[in-house]
Amino acid sequence: MAKPENITIHQLGRLSVDENDKLYWGGRPVKTEEKITLVWWVNWSIIIGAFSTMVMAAIGIWKFCCS
Protein backbone atom coordinates (compact mmCIF):
# COMPACT_ATOMS: atom_id res chain seq x y z
CA MET A 1 0.00 0.00 0.00
CA ALA A 2 1.34 3.40 -0.96
CA LYS A 3 2.05 5.90 1.79
CA PRO A 4 -0.27 8.93 1.64
CA GLU A 5 1.41 12.28 1.01
CA ASN A 6 0.34 15.75 2.01
CA ILE A 7 -0.83 18.03 -0.79
CA THR A 8 0.85 21.41 -1.01
CA ILE A 9 -0.75 24.55 -2.37
CA HIS A 10 1.44 24.25 -5.50
CA GLN A 11 0.04 20.77 -6.30
CA LEU A 12 -3.61 21.85 -6.38
CA GLY A 13 -3.29 22.59 -10.10
CA ARG A 14 -3.20 18.83 -10.70
CA LEU A 15 -6.76 18.48 -9.32
CA SER A 16 -9.52 18.66 -11.95
CA VAL A 17 -13.18 17.80 -12.55
CA ASP A 18 -14.77 16.78 -15.86
CA GLU A 19 -18.23 17.65 -17.23
CA ASN A 20 -19.74 14.66 -15.38
CA ASP A 21 -18.30 15.88 -12.04
CA LYS A 22 -15.74 13.06 -11.86
CA LEU A 23 -12.59 13.90 -9.92
CA TYR A 24 -9.12 13.62 -11.51
CA TRP A 25 -5.60 13.99 -10.10
CA GLY A 26 -2.88 14.57 -12.66
CA GLY A 27 -5.17 13.39 -15.46
CA ARG A 28 -5.94 10.08 -13.76
CA PRO A 29 -9.40 9.37 -12.28
CA VAL A 30 -9.63 9.35 -8.49
CA LYS A 31 -11.44 6.35 -7.04
CA THR A 32 -14.22 7.78 -4.86
CA GLU A 33 -16.32 4.66 -4.29
CA GLU A 34 -15.71 1.01 -3.69
CA LYS A 35 -18.22 -1.80 -4.02
CA ILE A 36 -18.34 -4.24 -1.15
CA THR A 37 -19.97 -7.64 -0.99
CA LEU A 38 -21.19 -9.19 2.21
CA VAL A 39 -21.61 -12.87 2.98
CA TRP A 40 -25.15 -14.24 2.75
CA TRP A 41 -25.77 -14.45 6.49
CA VAL A 42 -24.89 -10.77 6.98
CA ASN A 43 -27.38 -9.77 4.28
CA TRP A 44 -30.09 -11.87 5.90
CA SER A 45 -29.26 -10.44 9.34
CA ILE A 46 -29.74 -6.93 7.97
CA ILE A 47 -33.09 -7.85 6.40
CA ILE A 48 -34.34 -9.58 9.57
CA GLY A 49 -33.16 -6.66 11.72
CA ALA A 50 -34.94 -4.13 9.52
CA PHE A 51 -38.14 -6.18 9.48
CA SER A 52 -38.16 -6.65 13.26
CA THR A 53 -37.54 -2.91 13.72
CA MET A 54 -40.57 -2.12 11.54
CA VAL A 55 -42.71 -4.59 13.51
CA MET A 56 -41.61 -3.09 16.84
CA ALA A 57 -42.34 0.42 15.54
CA ALA A 58 -45.81 -0.66 14.38
CA ILE A 59 -46.53 -2.23 17.79
CA GLY A 60 -45.35 0.92 19.55
CA ILE A 61 -47.54 3.14 17.37
CA TRP A 62 -50.50 0.82 17.90
CA LYS A 63 -50.02 0.90 21.69
CA PHE A 64 -49.69 4.69 21.65
CA CYS A 65 -52.79 5.26 19.55
CA CYS A 66 -55.04 2.66 21.13
CA SER A 67 -54.23 3.25 24.80
C-alpha atoms as a PDB file:
ATOM      1  CA  MET A   1       0.000   0.000   0.000  1.00  0.00           C
ATOM      2  CA  ALA A   2       1.341   3.403  -0.957  1.00  0.00           C
ATOM      3  CA  LYS A   3       2.052   5.899   1.789  1.00  0.00           C
ATOM      4  CA  PRO A   4      -0.266   8.935   1.642  1.00  0.00           C
ATOM      5  CA  GLU A   5       1.415  12.278   1.006  1.00  0.00           C
ATOM      6  CA  ASN A   6       0.343  15.749   2.006  1.00  0.00           C
ATOM      7  CA  ILE A   7      -0.832  18.033  -0.790  1.00  0.00           C
ATOM      8  CA  THR A   8       0.855  21.410  -1.011  1.00  0.00           C
ATOM      9  CA  ILE A   9      -0.746  24.554  -2.374  1.00  0.00           C
ATOM     10  CA  HIS A  10       1.438  24.247  -5.498  1.00  0.00           C
ATOM     11  CA  GLN A  11       0.039  20.771  -6.303  1.00  0.00           C
ATOM     12  CA  LEU A  12      -3.611  21.850  -6.380  1.00  0.00           C
ATOM     13  CA  GLY A  13      -3.293  22.588 -10.104  1.00  0.00           C
ATOM     14  CA  ARG A  14      -3.204  18.826 -10.698  1.00  0.00           C
ATOM     15  CA  LEU A  15      -6.755  18.478  -9.320  1.00  0.00           C
ATOM     16  CA  SER A  16      -9.520  18.655 -11.948  1.00  0.00           C
ATOM     17  CA  VAL A  17     -13.178  17.801 -12.552  1.00  0.00           C
ATOM     18  CA  ASP A  18     -14.770  16.782 -15.862  1.00  0.00           C
ATOM     19  CA  GLU A  19     -18.229  17.654 -17.226  1.00  0.00           C
ATOM     20  CA  ASN A  20     -19.739  14.662 -15.376  1.00  0.00           C
ATOM     21  CA  ASP A  21     -18.299  15.881 -12.042  1.00  0.00           C
ATOM     22  CA  LYS A  22     -15.741  13.065 -11.860  1.00  0.00           C
ATOM     23  CA  LEU A  23     -12.591  13.897  -9.919  1.00  0.00           C
ATOM     24  CA  TYR A  24      -9.122  13.623 -11.509  1.00  0.00           C
ATOM     25  CA  TRP A  25      -5.604  13.986 -10.104  1.00  0.00           C
ATOM     26  CA  GLY A  26      -2.876  14.569 -12.659  1.00  0.00           C
ATOM     27  CA  GLY A  27      -5.166  13.385 -15.462  1.00  0.00           C
ATOM     28  CA  ARG A  28      -5.944  10.075 -13.762  1.00  0.00           C
ATOM     29  CA  PRO A  29      -9.400   9.371 -12.278  1.00  0.00           C
ATOM     30  CA  VAL A  30      -9.632   9.355  -8.493  1.00  0.00           C
ATOM     31  CA  LYS A  31     -11.444   6.353  -7.042  1.00  0.00           C
ATOM     32  CA  THR A  32     -14.222   7.784  -4.859  1.00  0.00           C
ATOM     33  CA  GLU A  33     -16.317   4.663  -4.291  1.00  0.00           C
ATOM     34  CA  GLU A  34     -15.708   1.008  -3.689  1.00  0.00           C
ATOM     35  CA  LYS A  35     -18.222  -1.797  -4.023  1.00  0.00           C
ATOM     36  CA  ILE A  36     -18.339  -4.243  -1.148  1.00  0.00           C
ATOM     37  CA  THR A  37     -19.969  -7.639  -0.990  1.00  0.00           C
ATOM     38  CA  LEU A  38     -21.194  -9.193   2.213  1.00  0.00           C
ATOM     39  CA  VAL A  39     -21.614 -12.870   2.979  1.00  0.00           C
ATOM     40  CA  TRP A  40     -25.149 -14.237   2.749  1.00  0.00           C
ATOM     41  CA  TRP A  41     -25.768 -14.450   6.489  1.00  0.00           C
ATOM     42  CA  VAL A  42     -24.886 -10.768   6.984  1.00  0.00           C
ATOM     43  CA  ASN A  43     -27.375  -9.770   4.278  1.00  0.00           C
ATOM     44  CA  TRP A  44     -30.094 -11.874   5.898  1.00  0.00           C
ATOM     45  CA  SER A  45     -29.258 -10.443   9.341  1.00  0.00           C
ATOM     46  CA  ILE A  46     -29.739  -6.931   7.972  1.00  0.00           C
ATOM     47  CA  ILE A  47     -33.088  -7.853   6.404  1.00  0.00           C
ATOM     48  CA  ILE A  48     -34.337  -9.579   9.570  1.00  0.00           C
ATOM     49  CA  GLY A  49     -33.165  -6.665  11.723  1.00  0.00           C
ATOM     50  CA  ALA A  50     -34.941  -4.132   9.516  1.00  0.00           C
ATOM     51  CA  PHE A  51     -38.136  -6.185   9.476  1.00  0.00           C
ATOM     52  CA  SER A  52     -38.161  -6.646  13.257  1.00  0.00           C
ATOM     53  CA  THR A  53     -37.542  -2.913  13.725  1.00  0.00           C
ATOM     54  CA  MET A  54     -40.566  -2.118  11.541  1.00  0.00           C
ATOM     55  CA  VAL A  55     -42.709  -4.595  13.508  1.00  0.00           C
ATOM     56  CA  MET A  56     -41.613  -3.092  16.844  1.00  0.00           C
ATOM     57  CA  ALA A  57     -42.340   0.417  15.540  1.00  0.00           C
ATOM     58  CA  ALA A  58     -45.811  -0.655  14.382  1.00  0.00           C
ATOM     59  CA  ILE A  59     -46.530  -2.226  17.789  1.00  0.00           C
ATOM     60  CA  GLY A  60     -45.348   0.921  19.548  1.00  0.00           C
ATOM     61  CA  ILE A  61     -47.543   3.138  17.371  1.00  0.00           C
ATOM     62  CA  TRP A  62     -50.505   0.819  17.901  1.00  0.00           C
ATOM     63  CA  LYS A  63     -50.024   0.895  21.691  1.00  0.00           C
ATOM     64  CA  PHE A  64     -49.685   4.695  21.648  1.00  0.00           C
ATOM     65  CA  CYS A  65     -52.787   5.261  19.545  1.00  0.00           C
ATOM     66  CA  CYS A  66     -55.044   2.656  21.125  1.00  0.00           C
ATOM     67  CA  SER A  67     -54.235   3.250  24.801  1.00  0.00           C
END
